[in-house]
N, C-alpha and C. Protein backbone atom coordinates (compact mmCIF):
# COMPACT_ATOMS: atom_id res chain seq x y z
N UNK A 1 15.99 25.28 -2.92
CA UNK A 1 14.74 24.64 -3.21
C UNK A 1 14.98 23.14 -3.43
N UNK A 2 14.11 22.32 -2.89
CA UNK A 2 14.23 20.87 -2.99
C UNK A 2 13.50 20.39 -4.25
N UNK A 3 14.17 19.58 -5.02
CA UNK A 3 13.56 19.04 -6.23
C UNK A 3 12.80 17.76 -5.91
N UNK A 4 11.70 17.54 -6.59
CA UNK A 4 10.95 16.30 -6.46
C UNK A 4 11.71 15.18 -7.15
N UNK A 5 11.42 13.98 -6.71
CA UNK A 5 12.10 12.82 -7.29
C UNK A 5 11.03 11.82 -7.72
N UNK A 6 11.15 11.30 -8.91
CA UNK A 6 10.19 10.33 -9.43
C UNK A 6 10.93 9.01 -9.66
N UNK A 7 10.32 7.94 -9.18
CA UNK A 7 10.88 6.61 -9.36
C UNK A 7 9.89 5.81 -10.20
N UNK A 8 10.38 5.14 -11.23
CA UNK A 8 9.55 4.28 -12.06
C UNK A 8 9.97 2.84 -11.80
N UNK A 9 8.99 2.01 -11.46
CA UNK A 9 9.24 0.60 -11.22
C UNK A 9 8.37 -0.18 -12.21
N UNK A 10 9.00 -1.10 -12.95
CA UNK A 10 8.26 -1.87 -13.94
C UNK A 10 8.26 -3.35 -13.58
N UNK A 11 7.16 -3.98 -13.87
CA UNK A 11 7.02 -5.43 -13.66
C UNK A 11 7.28 -6.11 -14.99
N UNK A 12 8.32 -6.92 -15.07
CA UNK A 12 8.74 -7.49 -16.34
C UNK A 12 8.26 -8.93 -16.56
N UNK A 13 7.76 -9.58 -15.52
CA UNK A 13 7.31 -10.96 -15.67
C UNK A 13 5.89 -10.99 -16.21
N UNK A 14 5.52 -12.11 -16.79
CA UNK A 14 4.14 -12.24 -17.27
C UNK A 14 3.26 -12.75 -16.15
N UNK A 15 2.12 -12.14 -16.00
CA UNK A 15 1.14 -12.58 -15.02
C UNK A 15 0.00 -13.24 -15.79
N UNK A 16 -0.27 -14.53 -15.52
CA UNK A 16 -1.29 -15.23 -16.31
C UNK A 16 -2.68 -14.60 -16.22
N UNK A 17 -2.99 -13.94 -15.13
CA UNK A 17 -4.32 -13.33 -14.98
C UNK A 17 -4.32 -11.84 -15.32
N UNK A 18 -3.18 -11.29 -15.63
CA UNK A 18 -3.00 -9.85 -15.87
C UNK A 18 -3.27 -9.03 -14.62
N UNK A 19 -3.42 -9.69 -13.48
CA UNK A 19 -3.57 -9.02 -12.18
C UNK A 19 -2.41 -9.49 -11.31
N UNK A 20 -1.77 -8.56 -10.66
CA UNK A 20 -0.66 -8.93 -9.78
C UNK A 20 -1.20 -9.39 -8.44
N UNK A 21 -0.45 -10.27 -7.78
CA UNK A 21 -0.85 -10.69 -6.44
C UNK A 21 -0.07 -9.87 -5.41
N UNK A 22 -0.34 -10.10 -4.14
CA UNK A 22 0.26 -9.31 -3.08
C UNK A 22 1.79 -9.39 -3.11
N UNK A 23 2.34 -10.57 -3.34
CA UNK A 23 3.80 -10.71 -3.37
C UNK A 23 4.42 -9.95 -4.53
N UNK A 24 3.76 -9.95 -5.68
CA UNK A 24 4.27 -9.20 -6.84
C UNK A 24 4.21 -7.70 -6.57
N UNK A 25 3.10 -7.22 -6.01
CA UNK A 25 3.01 -5.81 -5.63
C UNK A 25 4.07 -5.47 -4.59
N UNK A 26 4.28 -6.35 -3.68
CA UNK A 26 5.27 -6.11 -2.62
C UNK A 26 6.67 -5.91 -3.23
N UNK A 27 7.05 -6.76 -4.16
CA UNK A 27 8.36 -6.61 -4.80
C UNK A 27 8.49 -5.25 -5.48
N UNK A 28 7.42 -4.81 -6.14
CA UNK A 28 7.44 -3.50 -6.79
C UNK A 28 7.54 -2.37 -5.76
N UNK A 29 6.76 -2.46 -4.69
CA UNK A 29 6.81 -1.44 -3.64
C UNK A 29 8.18 -1.39 -2.99
N UNK A 30 8.74 -2.55 -2.68
CA UNK A 30 10.07 -2.58 -2.06
C UNK A 30 11.11 -1.92 -2.96
N UNK A 31 11.11 -2.27 -4.24
CA UNK A 31 12.08 -1.69 -5.17
C UNK A 31 11.91 -0.18 -5.26
N UNK A 32 10.67 0.28 -5.35
CA UNK A 32 10.42 1.71 -5.45
C UNK A 32 10.80 2.48 -4.20
N UNK A 33 10.44 1.94 -3.04
CA UNK A 33 10.77 2.61 -1.78
C UNK A 33 12.28 2.67 -1.55
N UNK A 34 12.97 1.56 -1.83
CA UNK A 34 14.44 1.56 -1.67
C UNK A 34 15.10 2.56 -2.61
N UNK A 35 14.62 2.60 -3.85
CA UNK A 35 15.20 3.54 -4.82
C UNK A 35 14.91 4.99 -4.42
N UNK A 36 13.70 5.26 -4.00
CA UNK A 36 13.32 6.62 -3.62
C UNK A 36 14.11 7.11 -2.41
N UNK A 37 14.31 6.23 -1.44
CA UNK A 37 15.02 6.61 -0.21
C UNK A 37 16.53 6.44 -0.35
N UNK A 38 16.97 5.83 -1.44
CA UNK A 38 18.39 5.54 -1.65
C UNK A 38 18.94 4.71 -0.49
N UNK A 39 18.21 3.64 -0.17
CA UNK A 39 18.57 2.74 0.93
C UNK A 39 18.59 1.30 0.43
N UNK A 40 19.42 0.48 1.03
CA UNK A 40 19.50 -0.94 0.64
C UNK A 40 18.41 -1.78 1.30
N UNK A 41 17.97 -1.39 2.48
CA UNK A 41 16.98 -2.17 3.22
C UNK A 41 15.61 -1.49 3.13
N UNK A 42 14.60 -2.30 2.87
CA UNK A 42 13.25 -1.76 2.72
C UNK A 42 12.75 -1.11 4.01
N UNK A 43 12.97 -1.76 5.15
CA UNK A 43 12.51 -1.20 6.42
C UNK A 43 13.12 0.16 6.70
N UNK A 44 14.39 0.30 6.40
CA UNK A 44 15.07 1.59 6.58
C UNK A 44 14.48 2.64 5.65
N UNK A 45 14.19 2.23 4.42
CA UNK A 45 13.59 3.16 3.45
C UNK A 45 12.23 3.62 3.92
N UNK A 46 11.40 2.69 4.40
CA UNK A 46 10.06 3.05 4.87
C UNK A 46 10.16 4.03 6.02
N UNK A 47 11.03 3.74 7.00
CA UNK A 47 11.15 4.64 8.16
C UNK A 47 11.73 5.99 7.79
N UNK A 48 12.53 6.03 6.74
CA UNK A 48 13.11 7.30 6.28
C UNK A 48 12.05 8.16 5.57
N UNK A 49 11.15 7.53 4.84
CA UNK A 49 10.18 8.25 4.03
C UNK A 49 8.86 8.57 4.73
N UNK A 50 8.45 7.71 5.67
CA UNK A 50 7.14 7.86 6.29
C UNK A 50 7.31 8.11 7.78
N UNK A 51 6.87 9.26 8.27
CA UNK A 51 7.04 9.56 9.69
C UNK A 51 6.19 8.63 10.56
N UNK A 52 6.60 8.39 11.80
CA UNK A 52 5.82 7.52 12.68
C UNK A 52 4.46 8.13 12.99
N UNK A 53 3.52 7.26 13.31
CA UNK A 53 2.16 7.72 13.64
C UNK A 53 1.14 7.01 12.79
N UNK A 54 -0.03 7.60 12.70
CA UNK A 54 -1.12 7.01 11.92
C UNK A 54 -0.87 7.28 10.43
N UNK A 55 -1.06 6.25 9.62
CA UNK A 55 -0.88 6.35 8.17
C UNK A 55 -2.22 6.10 7.50
N UNK A 56 -2.67 7.05 6.71
CA UNK A 56 -3.91 6.89 5.96
C UNK A 56 -3.62 6.53 4.53
N UNK A 57 -4.36 5.56 4.01
CA UNK A 57 -4.24 5.15 2.61
C UNK A 57 -5.60 5.29 1.96
N UNK A 58 -5.67 6.03 0.87
CA UNK A 58 -6.93 6.33 0.21
C UNK A 58 -6.95 5.65 -1.15
N UNK A 59 -7.56 4.45 -1.23
CA UNK A 59 -7.68 3.82 -2.54
C UNK A 59 -8.80 4.50 -3.34
N UNK A 60 -8.83 4.24 -4.63
CA UNK A 60 -9.93 4.71 -5.46
C UNK A 60 -10.87 3.54 -5.69
N UNK A 61 -12.04 3.57 -5.08
CA UNK A 61 -12.98 2.45 -5.15
C UNK A 61 -14.22 2.78 -5.98
N UNK A 62 -14.22 3.89 -6.69
CA UNK A 62 -15.41 4.29 -7.44
C UNK A 62 -15.78 3.30 -8.54
N UNK A 63 -14.79 2.64 -9.12
CA UNK A 63 -15.05 1.69 -10.21
C UNK A 63 -15.35 0.29 -9.69
N UNK A 64 -15.55 0.19 -8.40
CA UNK A 64 -15.80 -1.09 -7.74
C UNK A 64 -14.64 -2.02 -8.03
N UNK A 65 -14.89 -3.30 -8.17
CA UNK A 65 -13.79 -4.25 -8.38
C UNK A 65 -13.21 -4.20 -9.79
N UNK A 66 -13.90 -3.53 -10.71
CA UNK A 66 -13.46 -3.52 -12.10
C UNK A 66 -12.13 -2.83 -12.30
N UNK A 67 -11.98 -1.65 -11.73
CA UNK A 67 -10.75 -0.88 -11.96
C UNK A 67 -10.36 -0.07 -10.73
N UNK A 68 -10.70 -0.55 -9.55
CA UNK A 68 -10.33 0.14 -8.31
C UNK A 68 -8.90 -0.21 -7.93
N UNK A 69 -8.37 0.53 -6.97
CA UNK A 69 -7.05 0.19 -6.43
C UNK A 69 -7.12 -1.24 -5.92
N UNK A 70 -6.24 -2.12 -6.41
CA UNK A 70 -6.31 -3.53 -6.00
C UNK A 70 -6.10 -3.71 -4.50
N UNK A 71 -6.93 -4.56 -3.91
CA UNK A 71 -6.79 -4.88 -2.49
C UNK A 71 -5.40 -5.46 -2.23
N UNK A 72 -4.89 -6.26 -3.16
CA UNK A 72 -3.57 -6.87 -2.98
C UNK A 72 -2.47 -5.82 -2.86
N UNK A 73 -2.59 -4.71 -3.56
CA UNK A 73 -1.61 -3.63 -3.45
C UNK A 73 -1.66 -2.99 -2.07
N UNK A 74 -2.85 -2.72 -1.59
CA UNK A 74 -3.02 -2.12 -0.27
C UNK A 74 -2.53 -3.07 0.81
N UNK A 75 -2.84 -4.36 0.66
CA UNK A 75 -2.37 -5.36 1.63
C UNK A 75 -0.84 -5.44 1.65
N UNK A 76 -0.22 -5.37 0.48
CA UNK A 76 1.24 -5.40 0.41
C UNK A 76 1.85 -4.20 1.12
N UNK A 77 1.25 -3.02 0.93
CA UNK A 77 1.76 -1.82 1.59
C UNK A 77 1.59 -1.92 3.10
N UNK A 78 0.44 -2.40 3.55
CA UNK A 78 0.21 -2.58 4.99
C UNK A 78 1.21 -3.56 5.59
N UNK A 79 1.50 -4.62 4.87
CA UNK A 79 2.48 -5.61 5.33
C UNK A 79 3.86 -4.97 5.49
N UNK A 80 4.27 -4.19 4.49
CA UNK A 80 5.57 -3.51 4.57
C UNK A 80 5.62 -2.55 5.75
N UNK A 81 4.55 -1.81 5.95
CA UNK A 81 4.52 -0.85 7.05
C UNK A 81 4.58 -1.53 8.41
N UNK A 82 3.83 -2.60 8.59
CA UNK A 82 3.85 -3.28 9.89
C UNK A 82 5.22 -3.92 10.13
N UNK A 83 5.82 -4.47 9.11
CA UNK A 83 7.16 -5.06 9.26
C UNK A 83 8.22 -3.99 9.53
N UNK A 84 7.91 -2.75 9.20
CA UNK A 84 8.84 -1.64 9.42
C UNK A 84 8.60 -0.94 10.75
N UNK A 85 7.68 -1.49 11.56
CA UNK A 85 7.49 -0.96 12.90
C UNK A 85 6.20 -0.21 13.14
N UNK A 86 5.37 -0.04 12.14
CA UNK A 86 4.09 0.63 12.34
C UNK A 86 3.10 -0.36 12.95
N UNK A 87 2.30 0.12 13.90
CA UNK A 87 1.26 -0.72 14.48
C UNK A 87 0.15 -0.89 13.45
N UNK A 88 -0.36 -2.12 13.33
CA UNK A 88 -1.41 -2.40 12.34
C UNK A 88 -2.62 -1.49 12.55
N UNK A 89 -2.96 -1.19 13.80
CA UNK A 89 -4.13 -0.37 14.07
C UNK A 89 -3.90 1.10 13.75
N UNK A 90 -2.65 1.48 13.48
CA UNK A 90 -2.34 2.84 13.05
C UNK A 90 -2.43 3.00 11.54
N UNK A 91 -2.79 1.94 10.84
CA UNK A 91 -2.95 1.98 9.39
C UNK A 91 -4.44 2.06 9.09
N UNK A 92 -4.82 3.10 8.36
CA UNK A 92 -6.24 3.35 8.08
C UNK A 92 -6.44 3.44 6.57
N UNK A 93 -7.26 2.54 6.04
CA UNK A 93 -7.65 2.58 4.64
C UNK A 93 -9.02 3.23 4.60
N UNK A 94 -9.15 4.32 3.86
CA UNK A 94 -10.41 5.06 3.89
C UNK A 94 -10.88 5.45 2.50
N UNK A 95 -12.16 5.60 2.41
CA UNK A 95 -12.83 6.03 1.17
C UNK A 95 -14.00 6.90 1.61
N UNK A 96 -14.70 7.50 0.69
CA UNK A 96 -15.82 8.38 1.05
C UNK A 96 -16.88 7.65 1.87
N UNK A 97 -17.10 6.38 1.57
CA UNK A 97 -18.12 5.63 2.31
C UNK A 97 -17.69 4.17 2.46
N UNK A 98 -18.25 3.52 3.47
CA UNK A 98 -17.98 2.09 3.66
C UNK A 98 -18.48 1.28 2.48
N UNK A 99 -19.58 1.71 1.89
CA UNK A 99 -20.12 1.00 0.73
C UNK A 99 -19.10 0.96 -0.40
N UNK A 100 -18.42 2.08 -0.66
CA UNK A 100 -17.42 2.12 -1.73
C UNK A 100 -16.25 1.19 -1.41
N UNK A 101 -15.82 1.17 -0.16
CA UNK A 101 -14.75 0.23 0.22
C UNK A 101 -15.19 -1.21 0.00
N UNK A 102 -16.39 -1.54 0.44
CA UNK A 102 -16.91 -2.90 0.26
C UNK A 102 -17.03 -3.25 -1.22
N UNK A 103 -17.56 -2.32 -2.00
CA UNK A 103 -17.71 -2.56 -3.44
C UNK A 103 -16.36 -2.72 -4.13
N UNK A 104 -15.32 -2.11 -3.57
CA UNK A 104 -13.98 -2.24 -4.12
C UNK A 104 -13.27 -3.50 -3.69
N UNK A 105 -13.92 -4.30 -2.83
CA UNK A 105 -13.33 -5.57 -2.40
C UNK A 105 -12.65 -5.53 -1.05
N UNK A 106 -12.73 -4.40 -0.36
CA UNK A 106 -12.09 -4.26 0.94
C UNK A 106 -12.98 -4.79 2.05
N UNK A 107 -12.37 -5.44 3.04
CA UNK A 107 -13.10 -5.92 4.22
C UNK A 107 -13.08 -4.82 5.28
N UNK A 108 -14.24 -4.45 5.74
CA UNK A 108 -14.33 -3.37 6.72
C UNK A 108 -13.88 -3.84 8.09
N UNK A 109 -13.14 -2.98 8.79
CA UNK A 109 -12.69 -3.27 10.15
C UNK A 109 -12.57 -1.96 10.91
N UNK A 110 -13.49 -1.73 11.83
CA UNK A 110 -13.44 -0.52 12.65
C UNK A 110 -13.03 -0.85 14.07
N UNK A 111 -12.51 -2.05 14.30
CA UNK A 111 -12.14 -2.47 15.65
C UNK A 111 -10.79 -1.88 16.04
N UNK A 112 -10.38 -2.17 17.24
CA UNK A 112 -9.08 -1.68 17.71
C UNK A 112 -7.97 -2.70 17.45
N UNK A 113 -8.26 -3.71 16.65
CA UNK A 113 -7.27 -4.73 16.29
C UNK A 113 -7.11 -4.77 14.78
N UNK A 114 -5.88 -4.73 14.33
CA UNK A 114 -5.61 -4.86 12.89
C UNK A 114 -5.74 -3.56 12.14
N UNK A 115 -5.53 -3.66 10.83
CA UNK A 115 -5.63 -2.50 9.95
C UNK A 115 -7.08 -2.05 9.93
N UNK A 116 -7.29 -0.75 10.11
CA UNK A 116 -8.65 -0.22 10.10
C UNK A 116 -9.05 0.12 8.66
N UNK A 117 -10.31 -0.19 8.36
CA UNK A 117 -10.80 0.04 7.02
C UNK A 117 -12.27 0.38 7.10
């Protein structure tokens, strides 16, 4: 039987706005993915953990911009995935409705170019 593995990543610097930006989220994601995959390179870790193909990301946008999944976190993850070889158009950010995504601060994109949302 395979045991689950939990990785805890902490942000130790002070953020003047108490909100992290995309680069800060990216550093946390990179550290967590490398630790989880037991790899030195982030791209290798991503390819080891996430199979090729379409990747769906489901933020929680019910609280609108007040307490929803930060757009900067989702952007950082999309950036890591595209740099690891995933096509931007194979990344899909979805919620129950477009209104919830918009209320959460996400820009809608249903085109065949870029991350779909």
